[in-house]
Protein backbone atom coordinates (compact mmCIF):
# COMPACT_ATOMS: atom_id res chain seq x y z
CA MET A 1 -18.64 20.59 16.45
CA ALA A 2 -20.57 22.84 14.12
CA LEU A 3 -18.63 25.32 12.06
CA ASP A 4 -18.58 28.72 13.72
CA ILE A 5 -20.08 30.56 10.76
CA THR A 6 -23.36 32.06 9.70
CA VAL A 7 -24.66 31.19 6.26
CA ASN A 8 -27.49 33.25 4.83
CA THR A 9 -27.30 32.12 1.21
CA ILE A 10 -25.12 29.60 -0.58
CA PHE A 11 -24.80 30.13 -4.32
CA ASP A 12 -24.39 27.49 -6.95
CA GLY A 13 -22.25 29.50 -9.33
CA ALA A 14 -23.93 27.99 -12.39
CA GLY A 15 -23.96 30.11 -15.49
CA THR A 16 -26.05 29.91 -18.60
CA GLY A 17 -26.42 27.08 -21.07
CA GLY A 18 -26.45 23.32 -20.83
CA PRO A 19 -29.08 20.98 -19.44
CA GLY A 20 -29.45 22.65 -16.06
CA PRO A 21 -31.15 25.79 -14.76
CA THR A 22 -30.02 28.96 -16.49
CA GLY A 23 -29.63 32.62 -15.70
CA GLY A 24 -26.44 32.81 -13.64
CA ASP A 25 -26.10 32.33 -9.91
CA PHE A 26 -29.13 31.45 -7.86
CA PRO A 27 -29.54 30.42 -4.22
CA LEU A 28 -29.28 26.81 -3.14
CA MET A 29 -30.39 27.42 0.42
CA ALA A 30 -31.52 30.34 2.52
CA PHE A 31 -31.69 29.95 6.27
CA ALA A 32 -29.86 31.71 9.05
CA ASN A 33 -28.54 28.69 10.96
CA PRO A 34 -26.92 26.12 8.67
CA THR A 35 -26.86 23.48 11.42
CA ALA A 36 -30.65 23.40 11.85
CA PRO A 37 -32.39 23.22 8.45
CA ALA A 38 -36.15 22.82 8.35
CA ARG A 39 -37.59 19.60 7.00
CA ALA A 40 -38.75 21.46 3.87
CA GLU A 41 -35.17 22.52 3.12
CA VAL A 42 -33.82 18.98 3.42
CA GLU A 43 -36.62 17.73 1.17
CA ARG A 44 -35.91 20.43 -1.37
CA LEU A 45 -32.27 19.43 -1.53
CA ALA A 46 -33.33 15.83 -2.06
CA ARG A 47 -35.73 16.84 -4.85
CA GLU A 48 -33.58 19.27 -6.73
CA ARG A 49 -30.88 16.85 -7.74
CA TRP A 50 -28.66 19.51 -9.25
CA HIS A 51 -27.65 20.46 -5.72
CA THR A 52 -25.53 17.32 -5.56
CA ARG A 53 -24.24 17.38 -9.12
CA PRO A 54 -20.96 18.88 -10.34
CA ASP A 55 -21.13 22.38 -11.77
CA TRP A 56 -19.91 21.21 -15.19
CA TRP A 57 -22.89 18.84 -15.38
CA SER A 58 -25.36 21.60 -14.54
CA GLU A 59 -23.74 23.99 -17.01
CA GLY A 60 -23.36 21.47 -19.84
CA ARG A 61 -19.55 21.75 -19.96
CA THR A 62 -17.18 18.90 -20.79
CA PRO A 63 -15.33 17.56 -17.73
CA LYS A 64 -11.79 16.23 -17.64
CA THR A 65 -11.44 12.44 -17.91
CA LEU A 66 -8.58 10.01 -17.50
CA THR A 67 -9.09 8.96 -21.10
CA ALA A 68 -8.28 12.42 -22.40
CA ASN A 69 -6.55 14.25 -19.55
CA ALA A 70 -4.57 11.76 -17.43
CA ALA A 71 -1.45 13.92 -17.86
CA ASP A 72 -3.29 16.80 -16.17
CA LEU A 73 -3.76 15.05 -12.82
CA PRO A 74 -2.44 17.26 -10.01
CA THR A 75 0.66 16.47 -7.99
CA GLY A 76 0.21 13.47 -5.74
CA TYR A 77 -2.13 11.50 -8.03
CA THR A 78 -0.63 8.56 -9.94
CA TYR A 79 -2.80 6.78 -12.50
CA ASN A 80 -2.26 3.10 -13.27
CA ALA A 81 -4.12 2.41 -16.49
CA GLY A 82 -3.44 -1.32 -16.16
CA ASN A 83 -5.59 -1.78 -13.07
CA ASN A 84 -7.54 1.48 -13.45
CA THR A 85 -6.55 2.93 -10.08
CA VAL A 86 -5.35 6.32 -8.91
CA THR A 87 -2.95 6.22 -5.97
CA VAL A 88 -2.99 9.37 -3.85
CA SER A 89 0.05 10.25 -1.74
CA GLY A 90 1.67 13.09 0.21
CA ASN A 91 0.43 16.66 -0.05
CA ALA A 92 -1.80 16.12 -3.07
CA GLY A 93 -3.26 18.88 -5.20
CA ASP A 94 -6.90 19.84 -5.55
CA LEU A 95 -9.23 17.86 -7.78
CA ASP A 96 -11.94 19.88 -9.54
CA GLY A 97 -14.06 19.21 -12.60
CA TRP A 98 -13.21 15.56 -13.33
CA ASP A 99 -15.44 12.70 -14.45
CA PHE A 100 -13.85 9.60 -12.95
CA ALA A 101 -17.17 7.74 -13.19
CA ALA A 102 -16.69 7.47 -16.96
CA THR A 103 -13.76 5.10 -16.36
CA GLY A 104 -14.96 3.52 -13.09
CA THR A 105 -11.64 4.34 -11.45
CA VAL A 106 -10.81 3.30 -7.87
CA PHE A 107 -8.87 5.74 -5.64
CA LEU A 108 -6.30 4.31 -3.23
CA PHE A 109 -5.28 6.77 -0.49
CA SER A 110 -1.84 6.23 0.99
CA ASN A 111 -1.47 6.83 4.71
CA GLY A 112 -1.21 10.47 5.73
CA CYS A 113 -2.36 12.23 2.55
CA VAL A 114 -3.27 15.89 2.89
CA ILE A 115 -5.76 17.31 0.36
CA ASP A 116 -7.38 20.70 0.48
CA THR A 117 -10.36 20.27 -1.87
CA ILE A 118 -12.08 17.61 -3.97
CA SER A 119 -14.95 19.29 -5.82
CA ASN A 120 -17.24 18.94 -8.82
CA CYS A 121 -16.19 15.36 -9.62
CA THR A 122 -18.06 12.16 -10.39
CA PHE A 123 -16.91 8.75 -9.20
CA ALA A 124 -18.17 5.20 -9.79
CA PRO A 125 -17.09 1.60 -9.18
CA PRO A 126 -15.65 -0.38 -12.09
CA ALA A 127 -18.10 -1.90 -14.55
CA VAL A 128 -18.38 -5.64 -14.00
CA PRO A 129 -19.91 -7.58 -16.92
CA LYS A 130 -21.62 -10.86 -16.21
CA SER A 131 -18.65 -12.78 -17.62
CA GLY A 132 -16.35 -11.20 -15.03
CA ARG A 133 -18.43 -11.52 -11.87
CA ILE A 134 -16.70 -14.59 -10.42
CA ASP A 135 -13.22 -13.23 -11.16
CA TYR A 136 -14.25 -9.95 -9.54
CA ILE A 137 -15.38 -11.67 -6.36
CA SER A 138 -12.42 -14.09 -6.32
CA SER A 139 -9.89 -11.28 -6.67
CA GLY A 140 -11.16 -9.61 -3.53
CA ALA A 141 -12.20 -6.57 -5.55
CA ALA A 142 -15.70 -6.73 -4.09
CA SER A 143 -14.25 -5.38 -0.86
CA THR A 144 -12.56 -2.48 -2.64
CA ALA A 145 -14.39 0.79 -2.35
CA VAL A 146 -14.38 3.65 -4.85
CA PHE A 147 -12.39 5.53 -2.17
CA GLU A 148 -10.23 2.98 -0.34
CA PHE A 149 -8.32 4.22 2.70
CA GLY A 150 -7.06 0.84 3.88
CA ILE A 151 -6.01 0.20 7.48
CA ASN A 152 -5.12 2.87 10.05
CA ASN A 153 -5.07 5.74 7.60
CA THR A 154 -4.69 9.37 8.66
CA THR A 155 -5.56 11.08 5.39
CA THR A 156 -7.22 14.49 5.72
CA ILE A 157 -9.47 15.95 3.03
CA ALA A 158 -10.29 19.47 4.16
CA ARG A 159 -13.38 19.85 1.97
CA MET A 160 -15.30 17.67 -0.45
CA THR A 161 -18.21 19.33 -2.20
CA ARG A 162 -20.59 18.73 -5.12
CA CYS A 163 -19.28 15.25 -5.86
CA TRP A 164 -21.50 12.58 -7.35
CA PHE A 165 -20.90 8.89 -6.61
CA LYS A 166 -22.96 7.08 -9.22
CA GLU A 167 -23.50 3.76 -10.97
CA ALA A 168 -20.80 1.86 -12.86
CA PRO A 169 -20.08 3.05 -16.42
CA GLY A 170 -22.73 1.88 -18.85
CA TYR A 171 -24.61 0.15 -16.02
CA ALA A 172 -23.06 -3.02 -17.44
CA ASP A 173 -25.35 -6.01 -16.89
CA GLY A 174 -27.02 -4.19 -14.05
CA PRO A 175 -25.56 -3.07 -10.73
CA PHE A 176 -22.77 -5.24 -9.40
CA THR A 177 -20.56 -3.12 -7.20
CA GLY A 178 -18.12 -3.18 -4.35
CA THR A 179 -18.98 -3.18 -0.68
CA ALA A 180 -18.88 0.56 -0.06
CA VAL A 181 -18.25 3.89 -1.73
CA MET A 182 -15.78 5.00 0.96
CA ASN A 183 -14.08 2.41 3.11
CA HIS A 184 -11.60 2.63 5.98
CA GLY A 185 -10.42 -0.36 7.96
CA THR A 186 -9.00 -0.14 11.45
CA SER A 187 -7.04 -2.20 13.94
CA ASP A 188 -7.78 -0.05 16.95
CA ASN A 189 -4.64 2.07 16.96
CA SER A 190 -6.52 5.40 16.94
CA SER A 191 -5.56 6.30 13.37
CA TYR A 192 -8.45 7.79 11.42
CA PRO A 193 -9.04 9.65 8.16
CA PHE A 194 -10.88 12.97 8.25
CA ILE A 195 -13.15 14.51 5.68
CA THR A 196 -13.28 17.72 7.65
CA LEU A 197 -16.25 19.14 5.71
CA MET A 198 -18.26 17.13 3.20
CA GLU A 199 -21.32 18.83 1.71
CA PHE A 200 -23.72 18.65 -1.26
CA CYS A 201 -22.52 15.21 -2.33
CA SER A 202 -24.71 12.40 -3.65
CA PHE A 203 -24.20 8.68 -3.04
CA GLU A 204 -26.03 6.40 -5.47
CA ALA A 205 -25.77 2.77 -6.59
CA PHE A 206 -23.37 1.61 -3.90
CA GLY A 207 -23.10 -2.12 -3.33
CA GLN A 208 -23.86 -2.37 0.39
CA ASP A 209 -22.61 0.59 2.41
CA GLY A 210 -22.30 4.17 1.26
CA ILE A 211 -19.64 5.14 3.82
CA LYS A 212 -18.07 2.43 5.96
CA GLY A 213 -15.38 2.90 8.52
CA SER A 214 -13.89 5.21 11.07
CA PHE A 215 -14.06 8.72 9.69
CA GLY A 216 -14.16 12.04 11.46
CA GLY A 217 -15.49 15.38 10.28
CA GLU A 218 -18.61 17.44 9.59
CA TRP A 219 -20.99 16.18 6.93
CA ARG A 220 -24.00 18.18 5.77
CA TYR A 221 -26.61 18.20 3.01
CA LEU A 222 -25.66 14.82 1.58
CA TYR A 223 -28.06 12.59 -0.38
CA PHE A 224 -27.95 8.79 -0.01
CA ASP A 225 -29.92 6.61 -2.40
CA PRO A 226 -30.49 2.97 -1.41
CA ALA A 227 -27.99 0.40 -2.57
CA THR A 228 -28.52 -1.16 -5.99
CA ASN A 229 -27.17 -4.56 -5.20
CA ILE A 230 -29.16 -7.00 -7.33
CA PRO A 231 -28.34 -6.89 -11.08
CA GLN A 232 -31.12 -6.47 -13.60
CA ASP A 233 -30.63 -9.98 -14.93
CA ALA A 234 -31.17 -11.62 -11.52
CA THR A 235 -34.14 -14.00 -11.36
CA GLU A 236 -36.06 -15.87 -8.67
CA TRP A 237 -34.40 -19.24 -8.10
CA ASN A 238 -36.21 -22.18 -9.74
CA ASN A 239 -35.10 -25.80 -9.31
CA SER A 240 -35.88 -26.67 -12.96
CA THR A 241 -33.92 -23.83 -14.54
CA VAL A 242 -30.43 -24.39 -15.96
CA TYR A 243 -27.97 -21.77 -14.65
CA ASN A 244 -24.47 -20.90 -15.79
CA ARG A 245 -21.41 -19.21 -14.28
CA GLY A 246 -22.16 -15.60 -13.42
CA ASP A 247 -25.94 -16.01 -13.17
CA ILE A 248 -27.49 -14.48 -10.08
CA VAL A 249 -30.64 -15.65 -8.33
CA PHE A 250 -32.58 -14.31 -5.37
CA SER A 251 -35.15 -15.61 -2.93
CA ALA A 252 -37.99 -13.28 -2.02
CA ALA A 253 -39.12 -15.72 0.69
CA SER A 254 -35.69 -15.47 2.34
CA GLY A 255 -35.46 -11.73 2.46
CA TYR A 256 -34.16 -11.26 -1.09
CA GLN A 257 -30.92 -13.04 -0.48
CA ILE A 258 -28.81 -13.18 -3.63
CA LYS A 259 -26.49 -15.98 -4.76
CA LEU A 260 -23.92 -16.15 -7.59
CA CYS A 261 -23.72 -19.32 -9.70
CA MET A 262 -20.19 -20.79 -9.85
CA ALA A 263 -20.66 -23.57 -12.42
CA ASP A 264 -22.12 -23.91 -15.93
CA GLY A 265 -25.08 -26.22 -16.37
CA THR A 266 -26.30 -26.01 -12.78
CA VAL A 267 -29.81 -27.40 -12.42
CA GLY A 268 -31.66 -28.64 -9.34
CA THR A 269 -28.92 -27.74 -6.85
CA ALA A 270 -30.46 -25.22 -4.46
CA PRO A 271 -28.54 -22.29 -3.02
CA ASN A 272 -28.13 -22.21 0.74
CA PHE A 273 -30.81 -19.79 1.80
CA SER A 274 -30.37 -20.47 5.53
CA SER A 275 -28.77 -17.03 5.81
CA ALA A 276 -27.77 -14.17 3.54
CA THR A 277 -24.07 -14.98 3.93
CA SER A 278 -24.33 -18.77 3.49
CA SER A 279 -22.73 -20.36 0.41
CA ASN A 280 -22.30 -23.89 -0.90
CA GLY A 281 -20.05 -25.41 -3.56
CA THR A 282 -22.26 -24.18 -6.39
CA TRP A 283 -23.69 -20.90 -5.14
CA GLN A 284 -21.65 -18.03 -3.67
CA ALA A 285 -23.49 -15.74 -1.25
CA LEU A 286 -23.63 -12.02 -1.94
CA ASP A 287 -24.64 -9.92 1.03
CA PRO A 288 -27.45 -7.48 0.15
CA HIS A 289 -28.07 -4.61 2.51
CA SER A 290 -28.12 -0.85 2.44
CA ASP A 291 -26.36 1.06 5.20
CA PRO A 292 -25.69 4.60 3.97
CA TYR A 293 -23.27 5.23 6.84
CA GLN A 294 -21.90 2.32 8.87
CA SER A 295 -19.43 3.53 11.46
CA GLY A 296 -16.96 0.96 12.78
CA GLN A 297 -15.49 3.50 15.18
CA SER A 298 -14.50 7.15 15.09
CA PRO A 299 -11.88 9.48 16.55
CA PRO A 300 -12.63 11.16 19.89
CA SER A 301 -13.56 14.36 18.03
CA GLY A 302 -16.17 12.29 16.21
CA VAL A 303 -18.57 13.38 13.47
CA GLU A 304 -21.46 15.78 13.01
CA ILE A 305 -24.08 14.81 10.45
CA TYR A 306 -26.99 17.10 9.63
CA GLY A 307 -29.37 18.14 6.87
CA CYS A 308 -28.85 14.83 5.04
CA PHE A 309 -31.45 12.72 3.26
CA PHE A 310 -31.09 8.96 3.78
CA ASN A 311 -33.40 7.27 1.31
CA ALA A 312 -34.05 3.63 2.10
CA ASP A 313 -37.20 3.29 -0.01
CA GLN A 314 -36.36 1.02 -2.93
CA GLY A 315 -39.41 2.28 -4.81
CA LYS A 316 -38.18 5.86 -4.67
CA ARG A 317 -34.66 5.51 -5.96
CA ARG A 318 -33.31 7.56 -8.81
CA TYR A 319 -33.56 4.44 -10.98
CA ALA A 320 -36.63 3.02 -9.28
CA SER A 321 -38.07 1.53 -12.46
CA ARG A 322 -34.80 0.09 -13.66
CA GLY A 323 -32.85 -2.04 -11.22
CA ARG A 324 -33.59 -3.93 -8.05
CA MET A 325 -32.63 -3.20 -4.48
CA ARG A 326 -33.47 -5.41 -1.59
CA GLY A 327 -32.02 -5.03 1.86
CA TYR A 328 -32.50 -6.67 5.20
CA ALA A 329 -30.83 -3.93 7.25
CA SER A 330 -31.05 -0.33 6.19
CA ASN A 331 -29.85 2.35 8.53
CA GLY A 332 -29.22 6.03 8.04
CA LEU A 333 -26.55 5.68 10.71
CA ARG A 334 -25.42 2.26 11.90
CA LYS A 335 -22.78 2.28 14.60
CA ASN A 336 -21.51 -1.25 14.25
CA ILE A 337 -18.58 -1.52 16.66
CA TYR A 338 -15.85 -3.89 15.52
CA GLY A 339 -12.28 -4.63 16.58
CA GLN A 340 -10.74 -5.37 19.97
CA ASN A 341 -11.03 -1.95 21.59
CA ALA A 342 -13.17 0.04 19.19
CA ARG A 343 -14.67 3.31 20.39
CA GLN A 344 -16.90 6.06 19.06
CA GLY A 345 -16.13 9.74 19.56
CA ASP A 346 -18.64 12.56 19.94
CA THR A 347 -21.45 12.06 17.45
CA HIS A 348 -24.15 14.62 16.72
CA PHE A 349 -26.79 13.34 14.27
CA HIS A 350 -29.53 15.91 13.75
CA HIS A 351 -32.02 17.42 11.29
CA ASN A 352 -31.72 14.47 8.91
CA ILE A 353 -34.53 12.69 7.06
CA CYS A 354 -34.50 8.88 7.20
CA PRO A 355 -37.56 7.54 5.37
CA LEU A 356 -37.63 3.78 5.38
CA GLU A 357 -39.21 0.91 3.50
CA ILE A 358 -37.86 -2.60 3.85
CA GLU A 359 -39.12 -5.58 1.84
CA SER A 360 -37.77 -8.38 3.98
CA ASN A 361 -38.66 -10.93 6.58
CA PHE A 362 -35.50 -10.14 8.53
CA SER A 363 -35.43 -8.07 11.66
CA GLY A 364 -33.58 -4.77 11.56
CA GLY A 365 -34.37 -2.12 9.01
CA ARG A 366 -34.43 0.81 11.40
CA PRO A 367 -33.42 4.33 10.46
CA LEU A 368 -30.78 4.44 13.18
CA SER A 369 -29.11 1.73 15.25
CA PHE A 370 -26.27 1.71 17.73
CA THR A 371 -24.27 -0.66 19.84
CA ALA A 372 -26.04 -0.48 23.19
CA THR A 373 -23.09 -0.39 25.57
CA THR A 374 -21.40 2.41 27.45
CA ALA A 375 -18.04 0.87 26.50
CA ALA A 376 -18.75 1.77 22.87
CA MET A 377 -17.78 5.41 23.51
CA HIS A 378 -14.39 7.02 23.97
CA PRO A 379 -14.15 8.13 27.62
CA GLY A 380 -16.04 11.35 28.14
CA ARG A 381 -17.59 11.34 24.65
CA THR A 382 -21.31 11.43 23.91
CA LEU A 383 -23.84 10.44 21.26
CA LEU A 384 -26.64 12.96 20.59
CA ILE A 385 -29.46 12.01 18.22
CA GLU A 386 -32.08 14.75 17.93
CA ASP A 387 -34.60 16.50 15.70
CA ASN A 388 -34.58 13.92 12.89
CA TRP A 389 -37.56 12.81 10.78
CA PHE A 390 -38.18 9.15 10.00
CA ASP A 391 -40.81 6.60 9.03
CA SER A 392 -42.36 4.14 11.46
CA ASN A 393 -40.79 0.80 10.61
CA SER A 394 -39.07 -1.89 12.69
CA ASN A 395 -38.31 -0.31 16.06
CA GLN A 396 -37.32 3.07 14.63
CA ILE A 397 -34.31 4.36 16.57
CA ALA A 398 -33.03 1.46 18.61
CA GLY A 399 -30.13 0.04 20.50
CA ALA A 400 -28.89 3.04 22.48
CA SER A 401 -28.59 3.09 26.25
CA GLY A 402 -26.40 4.51 28.99
CA THR A 403 -25.56 7.96 30.27
CA GLU A 404 -23.52 8.81 27.15
CA TYR A 405 -26.57 8.55 24.89
CA THR A 406 -29.19 11.25 24.39
CA ILE A 407 -32.07 10.66 21.99
CA ARG A 408 -34.73 13.35 21.79
CA ASN A 409 -37.24 15.19 19.60
CA ASN A 410 -37.11 12.70 16.72
CA GLN A 411 -40.36 12.58 14.77
CA SER A 412 -41.84 9.40 13.31
CA GLY A 413 -44.48 9.00 10.63
CA TYR A 414 -42.54 10.60 7.80
CA THR A 415 -44.50 10.90 4.53
CA TRP A 416 -43.21 11.62 1.04
CA TRP A 417 -44.09 14.64 -1.08
CA ASP A 418 -46.39 14.50 -4.10
CA ALA A 419 -45.43 14.37 -7.76
CA ALA A 420 -44.96 17.63 -9.65
CA THR A 421 -47.37 19.18 -12.13
CA LEU A 422 -45.90 20.49 -15.39
CA SER A 423 -46.72 23.57 -17.44
CA GLY A 424 -45.27 25.40 -20.42
CA VAL A 425 -43.91 22.22 -21.98
CA SER A 426 -42.32 22.85 -25.40
CA ALA A 427 -39.76 21.37 -27.76
CA ASN A 428 -38.13 22.55 -30.98
CA TYR A 429 -35.19 21.94 -33.29
CA SER A 430 -32.94 24.64 -34.68
CA GLY A 431 -29.34 24.92 -35.80
CA GLY A 432 -28.57 21.26 -35.17
CA THR A 433 -29.86 21.38 -31.60
CA VAL A 434 -33.02 20.01 -30.02
CA SER A 435 -34.31 22.17 -27.14
CA TYR A 436 -36.84 21.34 -24.46
CA GLY A 437 -38.45 23.59 -21.85
CA PHE A 438 -40.99 23.37 -19.02
CA THR A 439 -41.93 24.62 -15.56
CA ALA A 440 -42.44 22.16 -12.70
CA SER A 441 -44.36 22.84 -9.51
CA ARG A 442 -41.74 20.89 -7.55
CA GLY A 443 -38.00 20.78 -8.07
CA GLY A 444 -36.44 17.67 -9.55
CA TRP A 445 -35.14 16.52 -12.90
CA GLY A 446 -36.53 15.56 -16.29
CA ILE A 447 -35.30 12.79 -18.58
CA VAL A 448 -35.92 13.80 -22.19
CA VAL A 449 -35.96 11.22 -24.98
CA LEU A 450 -36.21 12.23 -28.64
CA SER A 451 -37.72 9.37 -30.60
CA THR A 452 -39.13 8.55 -34.00
CA SER A 453 -42.11 6.95 -32.24
CA ALA A 454 -45.15 8.86 -31.01
CA THR A 455 -46.20 6.06 -28.64
CA PRO A 456 -46.06 7.36 -25.05
CA MET A 457 -43.25 5.79 -23.03
CA SER A 458 -43.51 4.18 -19.59
CA GLY A 459 -41.21 5.13 -16.73
CA ALA A 460 -39.11 2.02 -17.28
CA ASP A 461 -38.82 2.90 -20.98
CA PHE A 462 -37.16 6.22 -20.12
CA LEU A 463 -34.67 4.69 -17.76
CA THR A 464 -33.57 1.94 -20.13
CA ALA A 465 -33.61 4.07 -23.31
CA GLN A 466 -30.24 4.40 -25.04
CA ALA A 467 -29.42 6.79 -27.87
CA GLY A 468 -29.13 4.98 -31.19
CA THR A 469 -31.08 1.95 -29.97
CA GLY A 470 -34.52 1.19 -31.38
CA ASP A 471 -36.54 4.38 -31.92
CA VAL A 472 -34.35 6.51 -29.62
CA VAL A 473 -32.45 9.32 -31.36
CA THR A 474 -30.97 11.05 -28.30
CA LYS A 475 -31.46 11.33 -24.56
CA PHE A 476 -30.55 14.03 -22.03
CA GLU A 477 -31.57 15.41 -18.63
CA ILE A 478 -32.74 18.77 -17.34
CA ASP A 479 -32.68 19.82 -13.69
CA ALA A 480 -35.30 22.20 -12.31
CA MET A 481 -36.21 24.22 -9.24
CA ASP A 482 -39.67 24.71 -7.72
CA GLY A 483 -41.92 26.77 -10.02
CA THR A 484 -39.02 28.04 -12.15
CA ALA A 485 -38.77 27.76 -15.94
CA ALA A 486 -36.14 25.17 -16.88
CA SER A 487 -34.70 24.32 -20.27
CA GLY A 488 -32.04 22.18 -21.83
CA SER A 489 -30.67 21.29 -25.22
CA GLN A 490 -28.73 18.59 -27.01
CA ALA A 491 -26.77 18.79 -30.24
CA VAL A 492 -27.99 16.16 -32.68
CA ALA A 493 -28.11 15.95 -36.49
CA LEU A 494 -31.66 15.24 -37.67
CA SER A 495 -32.69 14.42 -41.19
CA SER A 496 -36.05 15.56 -42.56
CA GLY A 497 -39.00 13.96 -40.86
CA THR A 498 -41.18 13.95 -37.75
CA TYR A 499 -39.77 13.36 -34.27
CA TYR A 500 -41.33 13.12 -30.84
CA ALA A 501 -39.96 14.54 -27.60
CA HIS A 502 -40.95 12.54 -24.51
CA MET A 503 -40.16 13.53 -20.91
CA LEU A 504 -40.32 11.70 -17.60
CA TYR A 505 -40.13 14.25 -14.78
CA GLN A 506 -39.13 13.10 -11.31
CA ALA A 507 -39.69 15.21 -8.19
CA GLY A 508 -37.36 12.86 -6.37
CA GLY A 509 -36.61 9.25 -7.16
CA GLY A 510 -39.65 7.28 -8.26
CA ILE A 511 -42.04 10.27 -7.88
CA GLU A 512 -42.85 10.62 -11.53
CA THR A 513 -44.89 12.72 -13.95
CA LEU A 514 -45.11 11.98 -17.67
CA ALA A 515 -45.18 15.08 -19.89
CA ASN A 516 -47.38 15.31 -22.97
CA VAL A 517 -45.49 14.17 -26.07
CA GLN A 518 -44.19 17.11 -28.13
CA THR A 519 -43.95 16.86 -31.93
CA ILE A 520 -40.96 18.25 -33.85
CA THR A 521 -41.03 18.48 -37.63
CA VAL A 522 -37.73 18.92 -39.46
C-alpha cells in the first residue's frame, strides 16, 4: 500500500522571521525510501517539534481564526457560532492556515464529503471549565471528537499535513477533553472514511484515544503524545475531605481511576473503585486510558502506518511537568474489534517507535495489541507488524495469531535519547522586540519567559507561566534543529529597568535543559 514514489528530501518551506528556525527552506528528512525510515529519523521527527507544527507557527505569521475570519471559510464549511461547530458537506474546499484550536471548535463531517487538502491548521477540543464538567458529560459531548465522522461515513480527505491537535484553549482548569481526536462509528455496513495520506501531524492532549474508528489510508511521520485525561485540580480521594460538584478525584491504588463528583458537600461517600468504569449515585466514572490509534475495523484496503512516534511515557509528554496522565491500557495500535460482523483490512504497521511506561496495577499496557482470531480479518486480508521499536513492558506485542498475522523483526528494549546541551545563549531588547538565540546539540524546542525576577525557574514554572501574571512579562517558544543556531523574538513594550530571560529547552517532551538566565537592561 505504500505510495509509489521516491522521496529524497522533503522541504518545510519556512521562510525567515518568527519563533522558528530561519534562513528559508531546509530539509525535514533525507532518506531514499520513505517507507523505511531509520530509528534515528523517527526520533529526530519526534524531537524537532516544528515538523508537526503549521508553517504559520514556525514562521511567526498570524493564522486565520473563526473569531476574525469566519466569512472566509471555503465552500462546504458551515460555522455555527451557537454551538461552536463547523459542519462539512459535499465537495468541500481546502483548509490551509487556520487556528481552530483558539476557539476549540468541533468539526462534524457529513456523509460522503470529498476534501482535497487540510494543511497547516491547529485543532483542539472545547474548553471545559470546572463549573461545566457535569453538563458536558450529561450532554453526551464527552463522546464527541474534534473530528466527528459519525456512523457509516464515507468521507475522503485526500491529504492532511502539518496539522496540530492540541490542548483545549487556555488549558481551562486542566485537561478535560472528549473521547478521541478523530472518531468514526460503524454498524458493519462496510462504509468507511479515508484519510488517504496523513503526514507530519501531531496529536496531543486527547482525552482517551487519538484516532478511534474504522479509517483507511496511509499515515506516516505522525507524533502521538499520551492522553492528558486527569485535570490539574484532581486530588487523591480522602474520606474526610468535603467535595463539590465538578471536583475530580483519583485512586493511585486502583490504577489511577478518576471519578467526577455529582453533588455539593460530599464527604465520606467513597467512589466505586471496583473498576475504572464503575459509578455510583455520587461519583461518575471517567475512563482514563491512552490508545493513540484504536481501530474498530477498517476497509479491505486497510491502512499503512509507518515512521510514527507513539509516546506512552507520561513523564515525557510535552507538558510533563504540568498536567497528569494515567492510563491502564496504552497501545500504539489497538485493534479492538466491535460490532456484529466487524473486520480488519490489510494492515501494515512498520518502522514505528512505541516507547511505553504505564503506572498502573492493571494488565494491558502493551505497545501493540490485536484481537486474536482469524475471523477478525476481511477474507484474504493480512496483518503485518514488522521492524518496530518498543520498550519491554507488559507482554509487548500480544494477541495476534492465525495464518493472516505476521509479526517479525520488532526490537524491544527501547531507550530514550539524552537531554541537549546549549551554547551561544543570548538575549537582547531593541525596537520594542525581545530576541533570544541559542544552539542546541539536539533538536527540540525552547520555552522562553521574560521576567522581572532573576530567580531561576523550575520546569513546572515554565509550563504554568502566563504573560502578565506575577513576574512574567511575556512568553514565547523557539523551535530548533540539531546543532543549528536558532532564534526567536517577541514584540513587547518594556519600560526602563532590568529584565531576565529564562529558557527551558526540551529535546522531546520531559527531556529538559535549563539555560543560564540572561540579563536585559532597558
